[in-house]
């Protein structure tokens, strides 16, 4: 029993350390992606570095582009204002979409185009990966808890620790009974 308890305590410490490391990794990835995305947004929407390179086939094509550009700018601002890693990831993806859209209209000829695209895409992957354990981690922990509990109970039984069985019947009334005295019940 002591060994099982010590093993569980060690697992809890390691799990806590792993969770802390994952949180630090997420914070670092999010801060980097946020900075890269904010810098790109300034280049795209304030400095408008690609505008001299943009070419459109018609006034309607340019109007449609400008509408998408304004919608993305608002969506990027909103996503960054969210203040979450998920919001930063959304903003990063929207910035990539805007750079690609500008590239399709000639901005890919700008000397900074490839660097900007590379910065945005390379910041996205670490953030996505750092977010993944935070999305799937708690579900996995919930699934392993019954197995760990079963291991502890087995260790206690093996050590000779036992307790009476109880069965809750009715409206919270507890009735003590032996498993052997219970009639065979088929699962429902």
Protein backbone atom coordinates (compact mmCIF):
# COMPACT_ATOMS: atom_id res chain seq x y z
CA UNK A 1 0.00 0.00 0.00
CA UNK A 2 2.83 2.37 0.87
CA UNK A 3 4.58 1.61 -2.41
CA UNK A 4 1.39 2.21 -4.38
CA UNK A 5 0.83 5.51 -2.59
CA UNK A 6 4.41 6.60 -3.21
CA UNK A 7 4.11 5.65 -6.87
CA UNK A 8 0.90 7.68 -7.21
CA UNK A 9 2.52 10.65 -5.48
CA UNK A 10 5.49 10.44 -7.87
CA UNK A 11 3.11 10.26 -10.84
CA UNK A 12 1.24 13.29 -9.54
CA UNK A 13 4.49 15.27 -9.19
CA UNK A 14 5.59 14.27 -12.69
CA UNK A 15 2.16 15.08 -14.07
CA UNK A 16 2.26 18.48 -12.37
CA UNK A 17 5.73 19.16 -13.76
CA UNK A 18 4.61 18.09 -17.24
CA UNK A 19 1.55 20.31 -17.04
CA UNK A 20 3.71 23.25 -15.92
CA UNK A 21 6.15 22.66 -18.79
CA UNK A 22 3.24 22.48 -21.25
CA UNK A 23 1.82 25.73 -19.87
CA UNK A 24 5.20 27.44 -20.26
CA UNK A 25 5.52 26.12 -23.81
CA UNK A 26 2.03 27.38 -24.64
CA UNK A 27 2.76 30.80 -23.17
CA UNK A 28 6.04 31.08 -25.11
CA UNK A 29 4.47 29.93 -28.41
CA UNK A 30 1.48 32.23 -27.94
CA UNK A 31 3.66 35.27 -27.16
CA UNK A 32 5.79 34.65 -30.25
CA UNK A 33 2.81 34.09 -32.55
CA UNK A 34 1.07 37.19 -31.15
CA UNK A 35 4.14 39.35 -31.81
CA UNK A 36 4.59 38.03 -35.35
CA UNK A 37 0.88 38.47 -36.10
CA UNK A 38 0.76 42.00 -34.68
CA UNK A 39 3.85 42.94 -36.72
CA UNK A 40 2.28 41.49 -39.86
CA UNK A 41 -1.00 43.32 -39.19
CA UNK A 42 0.90 46.62 -38.91
CA UNK A 43 2.68 45.92 -42.21
CA UNK A 44 -0.54 44.91 -43.93
CA UNK A 45 -3.08 47.40 -42.58
CA UNK A 46 -1.17 50.44 -41.26
CA UNK A 47 1.98 50.61 -43.36
CA UNK A 48 0.23 48.97 -46.31
CA UNK A 49 3.57 47.73 -47.62
CA UNK A 50 2.01 45.62 -50.36
CA UNK A 51 -0.25 48.30 -51.85
CA UNK A 52 2.24 49.54 -54.50
CA UNK A 53 2.53 45.97 -55.80
CA UNK A 54 -1.19 45.15 -55.98
CA UNK A 55 -2.77 44.80 -59.43
CA UNK A 56 -6.43 44.21 -60.18
CA UNK A 57 -8.27 43.34 -63.39
CA UNK A 58 -11.17 45.65 -62.63
CA UNK A 59 -12.54 48.12 -60.11
CA UNK A 60 -14.95 45.43 -58.90
CA UNK A 61 -12.05 43.03 -58.26
CA UNK A 62 -10.25 45.67 -56.22
CA UNK A 63 -13.43 46.52 -54.30
CA UNK A 64 -13.91 42.85 -53.42
CA UNK A 65 -10.28 42.62 -52.29
CA UNK A 66 -10.59 45.76 -50.15
CA UNK A 67 -13.76 44.38 -48.58
CA UNK A 68 -12.00 41.09 -47.66
CA UNK A 69 -9.04 43.07 -46.39
CA UNK A 70 -11.23 45.20 -44.09
CA UNK A 71 -13.11 42.13 -42.84
CA UNK A 72 -9.84 40.33 -42.05
CA UNK A 73 -8.40 43.38 -40.32
CA UNK A 74 -11.46 43.58 -38.05
CA UNK A 75 -11.41 39.81 -37.43
CA UNK A 76 -7.68 39.85 -36.61
CA UNK A 77 -8.16 42.72 -34.16
CA UNK A 78 -11.09 40.93 -32.53
CA UNK A 79 -9.19 37.63 -32.29
CA UNK A 80 -6.15 39.31 -30.72
CA UNK A 81 -8.38 41.24 -28.32
CA UNK A 82 -9.75 37.88 -27.19
CA UNK A 83 -6.49 37.52 -25.25
CA UNK A 84 -6.35 33.75 -25.56
CA UNK A 85 -3.92 31.45 -27.36
CA UNK A 86 -6.85 30.26 -29.49
CA UNK A 87 -7.57 33.88 -30.45
CA UNK A 88 -3.93 34.41 -31.37
CA UNK A 89 -4.01 31.28 -33.53
CA UNK A 90 -7.17 32.54 -35.30
CA UNK A 91 -5.55 35.95 -35.88
CA UNK A 92 -2.42 34.28 -37.24
CA UNK A 93 -4.44 32.19 -39.69
CA UNK A 94 -6.38 35.26 -40.84
CA UNK A 95 -3.13 37.17 -41.39
CA UNK A 96 -1.81 34.28 -43.49
CA UNK A 97 -5.02 34.37 -45.54
CA UNK A 98 -4.58 38.11 -46.09
CA UNK A 99 -0.96 37.72 -47.20
CA UNK A 100 -1.96 34.95 -49.62
CA UNK A 101 -4.81 37.09 -50.97
CA UNK A 102 -2.43 40.02 -51.48
CA UNK A 103 0.08 37.65 -53.10
CA UNK A 104 -2.54 36.53 -55.59
CA UNK A 105 -2.83 40.19 -56.66
CA UNK A 106 0.88 40.88 -57.10
CA UNK A 107 2.19 41.40 -53.57
CA UNK A 108 4.29 38.26 -53.95
CA UNK A 109 6.71 40.47 -55.92
CA UNK A 110 7.44 42.54 -52.78
CA UNK A 111 10.89 41.74 -51.28
CA UNK A 112 9.36 41.17 -47.83
CA UNK A 113 6.50 38.92 -49.02
CA UNK A 114 8.28 35.56 -48.54
CA UNK A 115 9.75 36.60 -45.19
CA UNK A 116 6.39 37.76 -43.88
CA UNK A 117 4.67 34.57 -45.02
CA UNK A 118 7.45 32.44 -43.51
CA UNK A 119 7.32 34.31 -40.18
CA UNK A 120 3.56 33.83 -39.91
CA UNK A 121 3.55 30.15 -40.86
CA UNK A 122 6.54 29.27 -38.69
CA UNK A 123 4.90 30.94 -35.66
CA UNK A 124 1.67 29.04 -36.24
CA UNK A 125 2.94 25.46 -35.87
CA UNK A 126 4.47 25.75 -32.37
CA UNK A 127 1.31 27.46 -31.11
CA UNK A 128 -0.94 24.82 -32.65
CA UNK A 129 1.20 22.05 -31.14
CA UNK A 130 1.31 23.76 -27.74
CA UNK A 131 -2.47 24.16 -27.79
CA UNK A 132 -3.03 20.48 -28.62
CA UNK A 133 -2.19 19.07 -25.14
CA UNK A 134 -4.44 21.70 -23.55
CA UNK A 135 -7.30 20.56 -25.72
CA UNK A 136 -6.76 16.80 -25.40
CA UNK A 137 -4.89 16.60 -22.07
CA UNK A 138 -7.82 16.80 -19.64
CA UNK A 139 -9.81 14.20 -21.59
CA UNK A 140 -6.89 11.78 -21.45
CA UNK A 141 -6.46 12.40 -17.73
CA UNK A 142 -10.13 11.62 -17.12
CA UNK A 143 -9.81 8.38 -19.05
CA UNK A 144 -6.77 7.18 -17.06
CA UNK A 145 -8.16 8.03 -13.62
CA UNK A 146 -10.35 4.88 -13.33
CA UNK A 147 -7.36 2.71 -14.25
CA UNK A 148 -5.20 4.36 -11.59
CA UNK A 149 -7.97 3.98 -9.01
CA UNK A 150 -8.36 0.30 -9.89
CA UNK A 151 -4.59 -0.18 -9.44
CA UNK A 152 -4.69 1.44 -6.01
CA UNK A 153 -7.70 -0.63 -4.93
CA UNK A 154 -5.98 -3.80 -6.12
CA UNK A 155 -2.85 -2.88 -4.15
CA UNK A 156 -4.95 -2.26 -1.06
CA UNK A 157 -6.71 -5.62 -1.42
CA UNK A 158 -3.37 -7.34 -1.94
CA UNK A 159 -2.06 -5.72 1.24
CA UNK A 160 -5.01 -7.17 3.15
CA UNK A 161 -6.94 -3.96 3.54
CA UNK A 162 -10.66 -4.52 3.19
CA UNK A 163 -13.82 -2.73 4.05
CA UNK A 164 -17.45 -3.53 4.27
CA UNK A 165 -19.50 -3.09 1.18
CA UNK A 166 -22.37 -0.70 0.98
CA UNK A 167 -25.10 -0.30 -1.50
CA UNK A 168 -27.15 2.84 -1.84
CA UNK A 169 -30.79 1.99 -2.28
CA UNK A 170 -33.73 4.31 -2.52
CA UNK A 171 -33.56 7.99 -1.77
CA UNK A 172 -30.15 8.23 -0.19
CA UNK A 173 -30.87 5.60 2.44
CA UNK A 174 -27.75 3.49 2.91
CA UNK A 175 -28.17 -0.19 3.63
CA UNK A 176 -25.16 -2.30 4.62
CA UNK A 177 -25.13 -5.67 2.94
CA UNK A 178 -22.75 -8.40 2.01
CA UNK A 179 -22.18 -9.04 -1.69
CA UNK A 180 -22.65 -12.76 -1.11
CA UNK A 181 -26.14 -12.19 0.32
CA UNK A 182 -27.30 -10.24 -2.71
CA UNK A 183 -29.33 -12.14 -5.30
CA UNK A 184 -27.74 -12.54 -8.73
CA UNK A 185 -28.68 -9.59 -10.86
CA UNK A 186 -28.33 -9.57 -14.57
CA UNK A 187 -26.99 -6.38 -16.09
CA UNK A 188 -29.66 -4.15 -17.57
